[in-house]
Amino acid sequence: MYYDLADHNLTTQDVVRFVRRVHHALRRPLLLVCDRWAVHRSAIRRLQEQGCPWLRVEWLPPYAPDLDPVEYVWNQAKYGDLANFVPDDIDDLHQHLRQLLNDYRQDPVRMYSFFRTAKLPI
């Protein structure tokens, strides 16, 4: 699970940079499962125009958050682990969120559960 936290609304360029960073970290072809948010569509189009043969994209159906494992990650974080957390400031929130997402990343049972709950055929 790769993620990035931002203190602004994401742009196409933010998503392009993120996908390139993930590819650089993994050093192998990527299969990216994307929702149809306009910024995601624009970023994928830009990456394809730039010629990224290492990128394969599968699109989720429109308006199908129940198929998106990321939705279950955020639901667990927001309504479970962070439900009663009151950060001192935005930096405290980011630090706590980074730790929480890293904990998720290290827990294969939890990671599998996000995909199983989404019923996304993988």
PDB file of N, CA and C in Angstrom:
ATOM      1  N   MET A   1       0.855  -1.172   0.000  1.00  0.00           N
ATOM      2  CA  MET A   1       0.000   0.000   0.000  1.00  0.00           C
ATOM      3  C   MET A   1       0.898   1.230   0.000  1.00  0.00           C
ATOM      4  N   TYR A   2       0.812   1.989  -1.058  1.00  0.00           N
ATOM      5  CA  TYR A   2       1.532   3.248  -1.156  1.00  0.00           C
ATOM      6  C   TYR A   2       0.519   4.373  -1.017  1.00  0.00           C
ATOM      7  N   TYR A   3       0.912   5.418  -0.365  1.00  0.00           N
ATOM      8  CA  TYR A   3       0.018   6.544  -0.147  1.00  0.00           C
ATOM      9  C   TYR A   3       0.844   7.816  -0.053  1.00  0.00           C
ATOM     10  N   ASP A   4       0.133   8.922  -0.171  1.00  0.00           N
ATOM     11  CA  ASP A   4       0.744  10.225   0.012  1.00  0.00           C
ATOM     12  C   ASP A   4      -0.303  11.095   0.694  1.00  0.00           C
ATOM     13  N   LEU A   5       0.125  11.927   1.606  1.00  0.00           N
ATOM     14  CA  LEU A   5      -0.777  12.848   2.281  1.00  0.00           C
ATOM     15  C   LEU A   5      -0.509  14.239   1.748  1.00  0.00           C
ATOM     16  N   ALA A   6      -1.570  14.974   1.493  1.00  0.00           N
ATOM     17  CA  ALA A   6      -1.432  16.314   0.929  1.00  0.00           C
ATOM     18  C   ALA A   6      -2.173  17.324   1.783  1.00  0.00           C
ATOM     19  N   ASP A   7      -1.704  18.539   1.748  1.00  0.00           N
ATOM     20  CA  ASP A   7      -2.374  19.620   2.482  1.00  0.00           C
ATOM     21  C   ASP A   7      -3.094  20.560   1.510  1.00  0.00           C
ATOM     22  N   HIS A   8      -3.413  20.017   0.327  1.00  0.00           N
ATOM     23  CA  HIS A   8      -4.106  20.793  -0.697  1.00  0.00           C
ATOM     24  C   HIS A   8      -4.946  19.835  -1.541  1.00  0.00           C
ATOM     25  N   ASN A   9      -5.848  20.382  -2.350  1.00  0.00           N
ATOM     26  CA  ASN A   9      -6.600  19.551  -3.284  1.00  0.00           C
ATOM     27  C   ASN A   9      -5.646  19.006  -4.331  1.00  0.00           C
ATOM     28  N   LEU A  10      -5.753  17.727  -4.591  1.00  0.00           N
ATOM     29  CA  LEU A  10      -4.833  17.094  -5.531  1.00  0.00           C
ATOM     30  C   LEU A  10      -5.069  17.564  -6.957  1.00  0.00           C
ATOM     31  N   THR A  11      -3.972  17.636  -7.683  1.00  0.00           N
ATOM     32  CA  THR A  11      -4.009  18.007  -9.091  1.00  0.00           C
ATOM     33  C   THR A  11      -3.553  16.820  -9.938  1.00  0.00           C
ATOM     34  N   THR A  12      -3.726  16.954 -11.225  1.00  0.00           N
ATOM     35  CA  THR A  12      -3.249  15.932 -12.150  1.00  0.00           C
ATOM     36  C   THR A  12      -1.763  15.684 -11.941  1.00  0.00           C
ATOM     37  N   GLN A  13      -0.993  16.749 -11.828  1.00  0.00           N
ATOM     38  CA  GLN A  13       0.455  16.603 -11.675  1.00  0.00           C
ATOM     39  C   GLN A  13       0.817  15.868 -10.380  1.00  0.00           C
ATOM     40  N   ASP A  14       0.065  16.101  -9.304  1.00  0.00           N
ATOM     41  CA  ASP A  14       0.304  15.371  -8.052  1.00  0.00           C
ATOM     42  C   ASP A  14       0.151  13.868  -8.270  1.00  0.00           C
ATOM     43  N   VAL A  15      -0.897  13.477  -8.988  1.00  0.00           N
ATOM     44  CA  VAL A  15      -1.163  12.056  -9.224  1.00  0.00           C
ATOM     45  C   VAL A  15      -0.098  11.470 -10.150  1.00  0.00           C
ATOM     46  N   VAL A  16       0.295  12.203 -11.179  1.00  0.00           N
ATOM     47  CA  VAL A  16       1.352  11.735 -12.084  1.00  0.00           C
ATOM     48  C   VAL A  16       2.637  11.496 -11.291  1.00  0.00           C
ATOM     49  N   ARG A  17       3.017  12.445 -10.454  1.00  0.00           N
ATOM     50  CA  ARG A  17       4.238  12.286  -9.636  1.00  0.00           C
ATOM     51  C   ARG A  17       4.129  11.072  -8.712  1.00  0.00           C
ATOM     52  N   PHE A  18       2.972  10.899  -8.106  1.00  0.00           N
ATOM     53  CA  PHE A  18       2.775   9.779  -7.186  1.00  0.00           C
ATOM     54  C   PHE A  18       2.928   8.440  -7.913  1.00  0.00           C
ATOM     55  N   VAL A  19       2.271   8.292  -9.053  1.00  0.00           N
ATOM     56  CA  VAL A  19       2.359   7.033  -9.810  1.00  0.00           C
ATOM     57  C   VAL A  19       3.799   6.775 -10.235  1.00  0.00           C
ATOM     58  N   ARG A  20       4.501   7.805 -10.661  1.00  0.00           N
ATOM     59  CA  ARG A  20       5.906   7.639 -11.047  1.00  0.00           C
ATOM     60  C   ARG A  20       6.775   7.235  -9.845  1.00  0.00           C
ATOM     61  N   ARG A  21       6.489   7.812  -8.667  1.00  0.00           N
ATOM     62  CA  ARG A  21       7.250   7.441  -7.457  1.00  0.00           C
ATOM     63  C   ARG A  21       7.011   5.981  -7.075  1.00  0.00           C
ATOM     64  N   VAL A  22       5.769   5.535  -7.193  1.00  0.00           N
ATOM     65  CA  VAL A  22       5.469   4.133  -6.886  1.00  0.00           C
ATOM     66  C   VAL A  22       6.191   3.224  -7.870  1.00  0.00           C
ATOM     67  N   HIS A  23       6.144   3.569  -9.149  1.00  0.00           N
ATOM     68  CA  HIS A  23       6.846   2.765 -10.153  1.00  0.00           C
ATOM     69  C   HIS A  23       8.340   2.722  -9.856  1.00  0.00           C
ATOM     70  N   HIS A  24       8.914   3.856  -9.505  1.00  0.00           N
ATOM     71  CA  HIS A  24      10.348   3.917  -9.187  1.00  0.00           C
ATOM     72  C   HIS A  24      10.673   3.046  -7.968  1.00  0.00           C
ATOM     73  N   ALA A  25       9.809   3.059  -6.971  1.00  0.00           N
ATOM     74  CA  ALA A  25      10.045   2.270  -5.756  1.00  0.00           C
ATOM     75  C   ALA A  25       9.949   0.768  -6.037  1.00  0.00           C
ATOM     76  N   LEU A  26       8.994   0.377  -6.871  1.00  0.00           N
ATOM     77  CA  LEU A  26       8.789  -1.045  -7.142  1.00  0.00           C
ATOM     78  C   LEU A  26       9.704  -1.576  -8.242  1.00  0.00           C
ATOM     79  N   ARG A  27      10.055  -0.704  -9.184  1.00  0.00           N
ATOM     80  CA  ARG A  27      10.930  -1.071 -10.305  1.00  0.00           C
ATOM     81  C   ARG A  27      10.401  -2.270 -11.101  1.00  0.00           C
ATOM     82  N   ARG A  28       9.087  -2.234 -11.352  1.00  0.00           N
ATOM     83  CA  ARG A  28       8.460  -3.254 -12.184  1.00  0.00           C
ATOM     84  C   ARG A  28       7.160  -2.691 -12.730  1.00  0.00           C
ATOM     85  N   PRO A  29       6.549  -3.367 -13.693  1.00  0.00           N
ATOM     86  CA  PRO A  29       5.293  -2.852 -14.254  1.00  0.00           C
ATOM     87  C   PRO A  29       4.211  -2.714 -13.175  1.00  0.00           C
ATOM     88  N   LEU A  30       3.328  -1.732 -13.383  1.00  0.00           N
ATOM     89  CA  LEU A  30       2.240  -1.483 -12.437  1.00  0.00           C
ATOM     90  C   LEU A  30       0.901  -1.810 -13.065  1.00  0.00           C
ATOM     91  N   LEU A  31       0.054  -2.413 -12.267  1.00  0.00           N
ATOM     92  CA  LEU A  31      -1.356  -2.536 -12.600  1.00  0.00           C
ATOM     93  C   LEU A  31      -2.066  -1.607 -11.637  1.00  0.00           C
ATOM     94  N   LEU A  32      -2.626  -0.549 -12.162  1.00  0.00           N
ATOM     95  CA  LEU A  32      -3.275   0.475 -11.352  1.00  0.00           C
ATOM     96  C   LEU A  32      -4.786   0.343 -11.517  1.00  0.00           C
ATOM     97  N   VAL A  33      -5.476   0.128 -10.401  1.00  0.00           N
ATOM     98  CA  VAL A  33      -6.933   0.066 -10.405  1.00  0.00           C
ATOM     99  C   VAL A  33      -7.424   1.428  -9.957  1.00  0.00           C
ATOM    100  N   CYS A  34      -8.147   2.110 -10.823  1.00  0.00           N
ATOM    101  CA  CYS A  34      -8.517   3.510 -10.593  1.00  0.00           C
ATOM    102  C   CYS A  34     -10.018   3.714 -10.618  1.00  0.00           C
ATOM    103  N   ASP A  35     -10.455   4.648  -9.780  1.00  0.00           N
ATOM    104  CA  ASP A  35     -11.827   5.110  -9.917  1.00  0.00           C
ATOM    105  C   ASP A  35     -11.837   6.158 -11.034  1.00  0.00           C
ATOM    106  N   ARG A  36     -12.963   6.717 -11.292  1.00  0.00           N
ATOM    107  CA  ARG A  36     -13.095   7.609 -12.445  1.00  0.00           C
ATOM    108  C   ARG A  36     -13.104   9.089 -12.074  1.00  0.00           C
ATOM    109  N   TRP A  37     -12.457   9.419 -10.972  1.00  0.00           N
ATOM    110  CA  TRP A  37     -12.323  10.815 -10.572  1.00  0.00           C
ATOM    111  C   TRP A  37     -11.591  11.556 -11.695  1.00  0.00           C
ATOM    112  N   ALA A  38     -12.022  12.752 -12.006  1.00  0.00           N
ATOM    113  CA  ALA A  38     -11.466  13.508 -13.143  1.00  0.00           C
ATOM    114  C   ALA A  38      -9.956  13.659 -13.051  1.00  0.00           C
ATOM    115  N   VAL A  39      -9.427  13.884 -11.868  1.00  0.00           N
ATOM    116  CA  VAL A  39      -7.976  14.045 -11.709  1.00  0.00           C
ATOM    117  C   VAL A  39      -7.265  12.736 -12.029  1.00  0.00           C
ATOM    118  N   HIS A  40      -7.835  11.606 -11.628  1.00  0.00           N
ATOM    119  CA  HIS A  40      -7.227  10.313 -11.966  1.00  0.00           C
ATOM    120  C   HIS A  40      -7.250  10.084 -13.478  1.00  0.00           C
ATOM    121  N   ARG A  41      -8.395  10.351 -14.103  1.00  0.00           N
ATOM    122  CA  ARG A  41      -8.494  10.157 -15.560  1.00  0.00           C
ATOM    123  C   ARG A  41      -7.481  11.023 -16.299  1.00  0.00           C
ATOM    124  N   SER A  42      -7.369  12.269 -15.873  1.00  0.00           N
ATOM    125  CA  SER A  42      -6.433  13.197 -16.503  1.00  0.00           C
ATOM    126  C   SER A  42      -4.985  12.741 -16.309  1.00  0.00           C
ATOM    127  N   ALA A  43      -4.659  12.285 -15.114  1.00  0.00           N
ATOM    128  CA  ALA A  43      -3.284  11.838 -14.836  1.00  0.00           C
ATOM    129  C   ALA A  43      -2.930  10.610 -15.670  1.00  0.00           C
ATOM    130  N   ILE A  44      -3.853   9.669 -15.773  1.00  0.00           N
ATOM    131  CA  ILE A  44      -3.590   8.465 -16.573  1.00  0.00           C
ATOM    132  C   ILE A  44      -3.408   8.833 -18.040  1.00  0.00           C
ATOM    133  N   ARG A  45      -4.266   9.720 -18.517  1.00  0.00           N
ATOM    134  CA  ARG A  45      -4.131  10.175 -19.909  1.00  0.00           C
ATOM    135  C   ARG A  45      -2.750  10.812 -20.121  1.00  0.00           C
ATOM    136  N   ARG A  46      -2.319  11.645 -19.189  1.00  0.00           N
ATOM    137  CA  ARG A  46      -1.014  12.305 -19.320  1.00  0.00           C
ATOM    138  C   ARG A  46       0.118  11.278 -19.300  1.00  0.00           C
ATOM    139  N   LEU A  47       0.047  10.301 -18.394  1.00  0.00           N
ATOM    140  CA  LEU A  47       1.084   9.263 -18.339  1.00  0.00           C
ATOM    141  C   LEU A  47       1.124   8.459 -19.633  1.00  0.00           C
ATOM    142  N   GLN A  48      -0.039   8.144 -20.181  1.00  0.00           N
ATOM    143  CA  GLN A  48      -0.079   7.401 -21.443  1.00  0.00           C
ATOM    144  C   GLN A  48       0.492   8.233 -22.586  1.00  0.00           C
ATOM    145  N   GLU A  49       0.209   9.519 -22.592  1.00  0.00           N
ATOM    146  CA  GLU A  49       0.766  10.405 -23.616  1.00  0.00           C
ATOM    147  C   GLU A  49       2.288  10.510 -23.492  1.00  0.00           C
ATOM    148  N   GLN A  50       2.795  10.416 -22.272  1.00  0.00           N
ATOM    149  CA  GLN A  50       4.242  10.475 -22.030  1.00  0.00           C
ATOM    150  C   GLN A  50       4.921   9.152 -22.370  1.00  0.00           C
ATOM    151  N   GLY A  51       4.138   8.128 -22.682  1.00  0.00           N
ATOM    152  CA  GLY A  51       4.706   6.837 -23.055  1.00  0.00           C
ATOM    153  C   GLY A  51       5.227   6.076 -21.851  1.00  0.00           C
ATOM    154  N   CYS A  52       4.357   5.499 -21.099  1.00  0.00           N
ATOM    155  CA  CYS A  52       4.732   4.710 -19.922  1.00  0.00           C
ATOM    156  C   CYS A  52       4.309   3.261 -20.144  1.00  0.00           C
ATOM    157  N   PRO A  53       5.153   2.480 -20.837  1.00  0.00           N
ATOM    158  CA  PRO A  53       4.779   1.095 -21.149  1.00  0.00           C
ATOM    159  C   PRO A  53       4.672   0.213 -19.912  1.00  0.00           C
ATOM    160  N   TRP A  54       5.178   0.668 -18.788  1.00  0.00           N
ATOM    161  CA  TRP A  54       5.135  -0.089 -17.534  1.00  0.00           C
ATOM    162  C   TRP A  54       3.798   0.048 -16.808  1.00  0.00           C
ATOM    163  N   LEU A  55       2.891   0.863 -17.344  1.00  0.00           N
ATOM    164  CA  LEU A  55       1.627   1.137 -16.668  1.00  0.00           C
ATOM    165  C   LEU A  55       0.451   0.488 -17.391  1.00  0.00           C
ATOM    166  N   ARG A  56      -0.290  -0.324 -16.637  1.00  0.00           N
ATOM    167  CA  ARG A  56      -1.550  -0.890 -17.124  1.00  0.00           C
ATOM    168  C   ARG A  56      -2.646  -0.414 -16.170  1.00  0.00           C
ATOM    169  N   VAL A  57      -3.763   0.018 -16.717  1.00  0.00           N
ATOM    170  CA  VAL A  57      -4.835   0.593 -15.904  1.00  0.00           C
ATOM    171  C   VAL A  57      -6.114  -0.205 -16.094  1.00  0.00           C
ATOM    172  N   GLU A  58      -6.757  -0.507 -14.990  1.00  0.00           N
ATOM    173  CA  GLU A  58      -8.095  -1.089 -14.989  1.00  0.00           C
ATOM    174  C   GLU A  58      -8.989  -0.089 -14.271  1.00  0.00           C
ATOM    175  N   TRP A  59     -10.087   0.267 -14.910  1.00  0.00           N
ATOM    176  CA  TRP A  59     -10.992   1.270 -14.352  1.00  0.00           C
ATOM    177  C   TRP A  59     -12.120   0.594 -13.589  1.00  0.00           C
ATOM    178  N   LEU A  60     -12.406   1.116 -12.417  1.00  0.00           N
ATOM    179  CA  LEU A  60     -13.584   0.678 -11.688  1.00  0.00           C
ATOM    180  C   LEU A  60     -14.811   1.238 -12.396  1.00  0.00           C
ATOM    181  N   PRO A  61     -15.940   0.563 -12.283  1.00  0.00           N
ATOM    182  CA  PRO A  61     -17.159   1.118 -12.881  1.00  0.00           C
ATOM    183  C   PRO A  61     -17.495   2.462 -12.230  1.00  0.00           C
ATOM    184  N   PRO A  62     -18.205   3.320 -12.947  1.00  0.00           N
ATOM    185  CA  PRO A  62     -18.601   4.604 -12.346  1.00  0.00           C
ATOM    186  C   PRO A  62     -19.474   4.380 -11.111  1.00  0.00           C
ATOM    187  N   TYR A  63     -19.286   5.217 -10.131  1.00  0.00           N
ATOM    188  CA  TYR A  63     -20.098   5.198  -8.907  1.00  0.00           C
ATOM    189  C   TYR A  63     -20.135   3.815  -8.265  1.00  0.00           C
ATOM    190  N   ALA A  64     -18.961   3.228  -8.061  1.00  0.00           N
ATOM    191  CA  ALA A  64     -18.880   1.898  -7.458  1.00  0.00           C
ATOM    192  C   ALA A  64     -17.896   1.887  -6.289  1.00  0.00           C
ATOM    193  N   PRO A  65     -18.115   2.731  -5.282  1.00  0.00           N
ATOM    194  CA  PRO A  65     -17.167   2.755  -4.164  1.00  0.00           C
ATOM    195  C   PRO A  65     -17.091   1.423  -3.419  1.00  0.00           C
ATOM    196  N   ASP A  66     -18.147   0.614  -3.523  1.00  0.00           N
ATOM    197  CA  ASP A  66     -18.141  -0.685  -2.852  1.00  0.00           C
ATOM    198  C   ASP A  66     -17.134  -1.653  -3.465  1.00  0.00           C
ATOM    199  N   LEU A  67     -16.647  -1.372  -4.664  1.00  0.00           N
ATOM    200  CA  LEU A  67     -15.633  -2.215  -5.310  1.00  0.00           C
ATOM    201  C   LEU A  67     -14.212  -1.703  -5.080  1.00  0.00           C
ATOM    202  N   ASP A  68     -14.064  -0.565  -4.446  1.00  0.00           N
ATOM    203  CA  ASP A  68     -12.759   0.079  -4.282  1.00  0.00           C
ATOM    204  C   ASP A  68     -12.184  -0.216  -2.903  1.00  0.00           C
ATOM    205  N   PRO A  69     -11.144  -1.061  -2.827  1.00  0.00           N
ATOM    206  CA  PRO A  69     -10.554  -1.395  -1.526  1.00  0.00           C
ATOM    207  C   PRO A  69     -10.077  -0.168  -0.745  1.00  0.00           C
ATOM    208  N   VAL A  70      -9.688   0.880  -1.439  1.00  0.00           N
ATOM    209  CA  VAL A  70      -9.216   2.092  -0.760  1.00  0.00           C
ATOM    210  C   VAL A  70     -10.327   2.700   0.088  1.00  0.00           C
ATOM    211  N   GLU A  71     -11.561   2.584  -0.367  1.00  0.00           N
ATOM    212  CA  GLU A  71     -12.686   3.100   0.422  1.00  0.00           C
ATOM    213  C   GLU A  71     -12.757   2.408   1.783  1.00  0.00           C
ATOM    214  N   TYR A  72     -12.444   1.122   1.813  1.00  0.00           N
ATOM    215  CA  TYR A  72     -12.487   0.378   3.077  1.00  0.00           C
ATOM    216  C   TYR A  72     -11.308   0.725   3.976  1.00  0.00           C
ATOM    217  N   VAL A  73     -10.173   1.043   3.378  1.00  0.00           N
ATOM    218  CA  VAL A  73      -9.034   1.521   4.166  1.00  0.00           C
ATOM    219  C   VAL A  73      -9.430   2.805   4.890  1.00  0.00           C
ATOM    220  N   TRP A  74      -9.987   3.764   4.136  1.00  0.00           N
ATOM    221  CA  TRP A  74     -10.350   5.049   4.742  1.00  0.00           C
ATOM    222  C   TRP A  74     -11.507   4.910   5.723  1.00  0.00           C
ATOM    223  N   ASN A  75     -12.465   4.036   5.421  1.00  0.00           N
ATOM    224  CA  ASN A  75     -13.553   3.818   6.371  1.00  0.00           C
ATOM    225  C   ASN A  75     -13.023   3.276   7.693  1.00  0.00           C
ATOM    226  N   GLN A  76     -12.105   2.322   7.633  1.00  0.00           N
ATOM    227  CA  GLN A  76     -11.514   1.772   8.853  1.00  0.00           C
ATOM    228  C   GLN A  76     -10.753   2.855   9.610  1.00  0.00           C
ATOM    229  N   ALA A  77      -9.997   3.656   8.880  1.00  0.00           N
ATOM    230  CA  ALA A  77      -9.219   4.714   9.533  1.00  0.00           C
ATOM    231  C   ALA A  77     -10.138   5.765  10.150  1.00  0.00           C
ATOM    232  N   LYS A  78     -11.078   6.292   9.360  1.00  0.00           N
ATOM    233  CA  LYS A  78     -11.923   7.401   9.827  1.00  0.00           C
ATOM    234  C   LYS A  78     -12.904   6.990  10.914  1.00  0.00           C
ATOM    235  N   TYR A  79     -13.603   5.882  10.686  1.00  0.00           N
ATOM    236  CA  TYR A  79     -14.701   5.529  11.592  1.00  0.00           C
ATOM    237  C   TYR A  79     -14.295   4.506  12.645  1.00  0.00           C
ATOM    238  N   GLY A  80     -13.074   3.984  12.526  1.00  0.00           N
ATOM    239  CA  GLY A  80     -12.574   3.020  13.501  1.00  0.00           C
ATOM    240  C   GLY A  80     -11.424   3.611  14.295  1.00  0.00           C
ATOM    241  N   ASP A  81     -10.264   3.540  13.725  1.00  0.00           N
ATOM    242  CA  ASP A  81      -9.040   3.887  14.454  1.00  0.00           C
ATOM    243  C   ASP A  81      -8.891   5.361  14.789  1.00  0.00           C
ATOM    244  N   LEU A  82      -9.460   6.249  13.994  1.00  0.00           N
ATOM    245  CA  LEU A  82      -9.333   7.690  14.258  1.00  0.00           C
ATOM    246  C   LEU A  82     -10.615   8.315  14.808  1.00  0.00           C
ATOM    247  N   ALA A  83     -11.609   7.495  15.097  1.00  0.00           N
ATOM    248  CA  ALA A  83     -12.929   8.017  15.460  1.00  0.00           C
ATOM    249  C   ALA A  83     -12.883   9.006  16.626  1.00  0.00           C
ATOM    250  N   ASN A  84     -12.084   8.755  17.621  1.00  0.00           N
ATOM    251  CA  ASN A  84     -12.031   9.632  18.801  1.00  0.00           C
ATOM    252  C   ASN A  84     -10.696  10.352  18.937  1.00  0.00           C
ATOM    253  N   PHE A  85      -9.913  10.342  17.870  1.00  0.00           N
ATOM    254  CA  PHE A  85      -8.606  10.996  17.895  1.00  0.00           C
ATOM    255  C   PHE A  85      -8.769  12.491  17.643  1.00  0.00           C
ATOM    256  N   VAL A  86      -8.185  13.302  18.510  1.00  0.00           N
ATOM    257  CA  VAL A  86      -8.222  14.757  18.350  1.00  0.00           C
ATOM    258  C   VAL A  86      -6.778  15.232  18.197  1.00  0.00           C
ATOM    259  N   PRO A  87      -6.369  15.540  16.960  1.00  0.00           N
ATOM    260  CA  PRO A  87      -4.978  15.964  16.752  1.00  0.00           C
ATOM    261  C   PRO A  87      -4.737  17.375  17.277  1.00  0.00           C
ATOM    262  N   ASP A  88      -3.500  17.637  17.638  1.00  0.00           N
ATOM    263  CA  ASP A  88      -3.113  18.976  18.084  1.00  0.00           C
ATOM    264  C   ASP A  88      -3.100  19.958  16.922  1.00  0.00           C
ATOM    265  N   ASP A  89      -2.688  19.455  15.752  1.00  0.00           N
ATOM    266  CA  ASP A  89      -2.613  20.290  14.552  1.00  0.00           C
ATOM    267  C   ASP A  89      -2.532  19.362  13.339  1.00  0.00           C
ATOM    268  N   ILE A  90      -2.409  19.928  12.160  1.00  0.00           N
ATOM    269  CA  ILE A  90      -2.384  19.125  10.934  1.00  0.00           C
ATOM    270  C   ILE A  90      -1.161  18.213  10.889  1.00  0.00           C
ATOM    271  N   ASP A  91      -0.032  18.680  11.421  1.00  0.00           N
ATOM    272  CA  ASP A  91       1.164  17.838  11.448  1.00  0.00           C
ATOM    273  C   ASP A  91       0.954  16.616  12.331  1.00  0.00           C
ATOM    274  N   ASP A  92       0.277  16.805  13.458  1.00  0.00           N
ATOM    275  CA  ASP A  92      -0.031  15.689  14.355  1.00  0.00           C
ATOM    276  C   ASP A  92      -0.952  14.690  13.651  1.00  0.00           C
ATOM    277  N   LEU A  93      -1.933  15.196  12.928  1.00  0.00           N
ATOM    278  CA  LEU A  93      -2.835  14.321  12.176  1.00  0.00           C
ATOM    279  C   LEU A  93      -2.052  13.533  11.129  1.00  0.00           C
ATOM    280  N   HIS A  94      -1.200  14.200  10.378  1.00  0.00           N
ATOM    281  CA  HIS A  94      -0.401  13.512   9.350  1.00  0.00           C
ATOM    282  C   HIS A  94       0.494  12.448   9.975  1.00  0.00           C
ATOM    283  N   GLN A  95       1.142  12.782  11.078  1.00  0.00           N
ATOM    284  CA  GLN A  95       2.029  11.815  11.737  1.00  0.00           C
ATOM    285  C   GLN A  95       1.235  10.591  12.204  1.00  0.00           C
ATOM    286  N   HIS A  96       0.095  10.825  12.815  1.00  0.00           N
ATOM    287  CA  HIS A  96      -0.733   9.723  13.298  1.00  0.00           C
ATOM    288  C   HIS A  96      -1.258   8.883  12.125  1.00  0.00           C
ATOM    289  N   LEU A  97      -1.676   9.546  11.078  1.00  0.00           N
ATOM    290  CA  LEU A  97      -2.191   8.852   9.904  1.00  0.00           C
ATOM    291  C   LEU A  97      -1.098   8.035   9.215  1.00  0.00           C
ATOM    292  N   ARG A  98       0.099   8.585   9.113  1.00  0.00           N
ATOM    293  CA  ARG A  98       1.220   7.836   8.524  1.00  0.00           C
ATOM    294  C   ARG A  98       1.468   6.546   9.311  1.00  0.00           C
ATOM    295  N   GLN A  99       1.487   6.657  10.640  1.00  0.00           N
ATOM    296  CA  GLN A  99       1.718   5.483  11.475  1.00  0.00           C
ATOM    297  C   GLN A  99       0.605   4.458  11.299  1.00  0.00           C
ATOM    298  N   LEU A 100      -0.616   4.938  11.271  1.00  0.00           N
ATOM    299  CA  LEU A 100      -1.764   4.053  11.111  1.00  0.00           C
ATOM    300  C   LEU A 100      -1.714   3.325   9.767  1.00  0.00           C
ATOM    301  N   LEU A 101      -1.454   4.051   8.681  1.00  0.00           N
ATOM    302  CA  LEU A 101      -1.398   3.426   7.358  1.00  0.00           C
ATOM    303  C   LEU A 101      -0.211   2.473   7.247  1.00  0.00           C
ATOM    304  N   ASN A 102       0.896   2.813   7.880  1.00  0.00           N
ATOM    305  CA  ASN A 102       2.033   1.887   7.892  1.00  0.00           C
ATOM    306  C   ASN A 102       1.692   0.627   8.680  1.00  0.00           C
ATOM    307  N   ASP A 103       0.941   0.766   9.774  1.00  0.00           N
ATOM    308  CA  ASP A 103       0.487  -0.412  10.525  1.00  0.00           C
ATOM    309  C   ASP A 103      -0.401  -1.290   9.638  1.00  0.00           C
ATOM    310  N   TYR A 104      -1.302  -0.668   8.889  1.00  0.00           N
ATOM    311  CA  TYR A 104      -2.151  -1.432   7.969  1.00  0.00           C
ATOM    312  C   TYR A 104      -1.280  -2.177   6.959  1.00  0.00           C
ATOM    313  N   ARG A 105      -0.305  -1.474   6.437  1.00  0.00           N
ATOM    314  CA  ARG A 105       0.567  -2.037   5.404  1.00  0.00           C
ATOM    315  C   ARG A 105       1.306  -3.284   5.904  1.00  0.00           C
ATOM    316  N   GLN A 106       1.641  -3.298   7.186  1.00  0.00           N
ATOM    317  CA  GLN A 106       2.381  -4.418   7.773  1.00  0.00           C
ATOM    318  C   GLN A 106       1.473  -5.567   8.206  1.00  0.00           C
ATOM    319  N   ASP A 107       0.183  -5.424   8.031  1.00  0.00           N
ATOM    320  CA  ASP A 107      -0.786  -6.424   8.482  1.00  0.00           C
ATOM    321  C   ASP A 107      -1.457  -7.072   7.267  1.00  0.00           C
ATOM    322  N   PRO A 108      -0.907  -8.207   6.782  1.00  0.00           N
ATOM    323  CA  PRO A 108      -1.455  -8.814   5.565  1.00  0.00           C
ATOM    324  C   PRO A 108      -2.909  -9.273   5.722  1.00  0.00           C
ATOM    325  N   VAL A 109      -3.299  -9.665   6.907  1.00  0.00           N
ATOM    326  CA  VAL A 109      -4.687 -10.088   7.115  1.00  0.00           C
ATOM    327  C   VAL A 109      -5.626  -8.902   6.917  1.00  0.00           C
ATOM    328  N   ARG A 110      -5.258  -7.765   7.479  1.00  0.00           N
ATOM    329  CA  ARG A 110      -6.080  -6.567   7.324  1.00  0.00           C
ATOM    330  C   ARG A 110      -6.108  -6.128   5.859  1.00  0.00           C
ATOM    331  N   MET A 111      -4.936  -6.121   5.206  1.00  0.00           N
ATOM    332  CA  MET A 111      -4.890  -5.717   3.800  1.00  0.00           C
ATOM    333  C   MET A 111      -5.773  -6.632   2.946  1.00  0.00           C
ATOM    334  N   TYR A 112      -5.687  -7.930   3.194  1.00  0.00           N
ATOM    335  CA  TYR A 112      -6.516  -8.872   2.450  1.00  0.00           C
ATOM    336  C   TYR A 112      -7.999  -8.586   2.707  1.00  0.00           C
ATOM    337  N   SER A 113      -8.336  -8.224   3.944  1.00  0.00           N
ATOM    338  CA  SER A 113      -9.736  -7.977   4.279  1.00  0.00           C
ATOM    339  C   SER A 113     -10.306  -6.803   3.491  1.00  0.00           C
ATOM    340  N   PHE A 114      -9.490  -5.788   3.197  1.00  0.00           N
ATOM    341  CA  PHE A 114      -9.984  -4.655   2.411  1.00  0.00           C
ATOM    342  C   PHE A 114     -10.378  -5.109   1.003  1.00  0.00           C
ATOM    343  N   PHE A 115      -9.583  -6.006   0.415  1.00  0.00           N
ATOM    344  CA  PHE A 115      -9.908  -6.524  -0.911  1.00  0.00           C
ATOM    345  C   PHE A 115     -11.080  -7.494  -0.859  1.00  0.00           C
ATOM    346  N   ARG A 116     -11.095  -8.347   0.160  1.00  0.00           N
ATOM    347  CA  ARG A 116     -12.186  -9.316   0.298  1.00  0.00           C
ATOM    348  C   ARG A 116     -13.520  -8.596   0.483  1.00  0.00           C
ATOM    349  N   THR A 117     -13.529  -7.557   1.316  1.00  0.00           N
ATOM    350  CA  THR A 117     -14.756  -6.808   1.565  1.00  0.00           C
ATOM    351  C   THR A 117     -15.229  -6.105   0.293  1.00  0.00           C
ATOM    352  N   ALA A 118     -14.279  -5.612  -0.488  1.00  0.00           N
ATOM    353  CA  ALA A 118     -14.635  -4.923  -1.737  1.00  0.00           C
ATOM    354  C   ALA A 118     -15.168  -5.889  -2.797  1.00  0.00           C
ATOM    355  N   LYS A 119     -14.908  -7.163  -2.606  1.00  0.00           N
ATOM    356  CA  LYS A 119     -15.329  -8.172  -3.602  1.00  0.00           C
ATOM    357  C   LYS A 119     -14.788  -7.850  -4.993  1.00  0.00           C
ATOM    358  N   LEU A 120     -13.604  -7.268  -5.005  1.00  0.00           N
ATOM    359  CA  LEU A 120     -12.936  -6.959  -6.263  1.00  0.00           C
ATOM    360  C   LEU A 120     -12.211  -8.220  -6.728  1.00  0.00           C
ATOM    361  N   PRO A 121     -12.553  -8.753  -7.875  1.00  0.00           N
ATOM    362  CA  PRO A 121     -11.878  -9.965  -8.339  1.00  0.00           C
ATOM    363  C   PRO A 121     -10.420  -9.668  -8.683  1.00  0.00           C
ATOM    364  N   ILE A 122      -9.537 -10.310  -7.944  1.00  0.00           N
ATOM    365  CA  ILE A 122      -8.095 -10.107  -8.204  1.00  0.00           C
ATOM    366  C   ILE A 122      -7.416 -11.437  -8.436  1.00  0.00           C
TER     367      ILE A 122
END
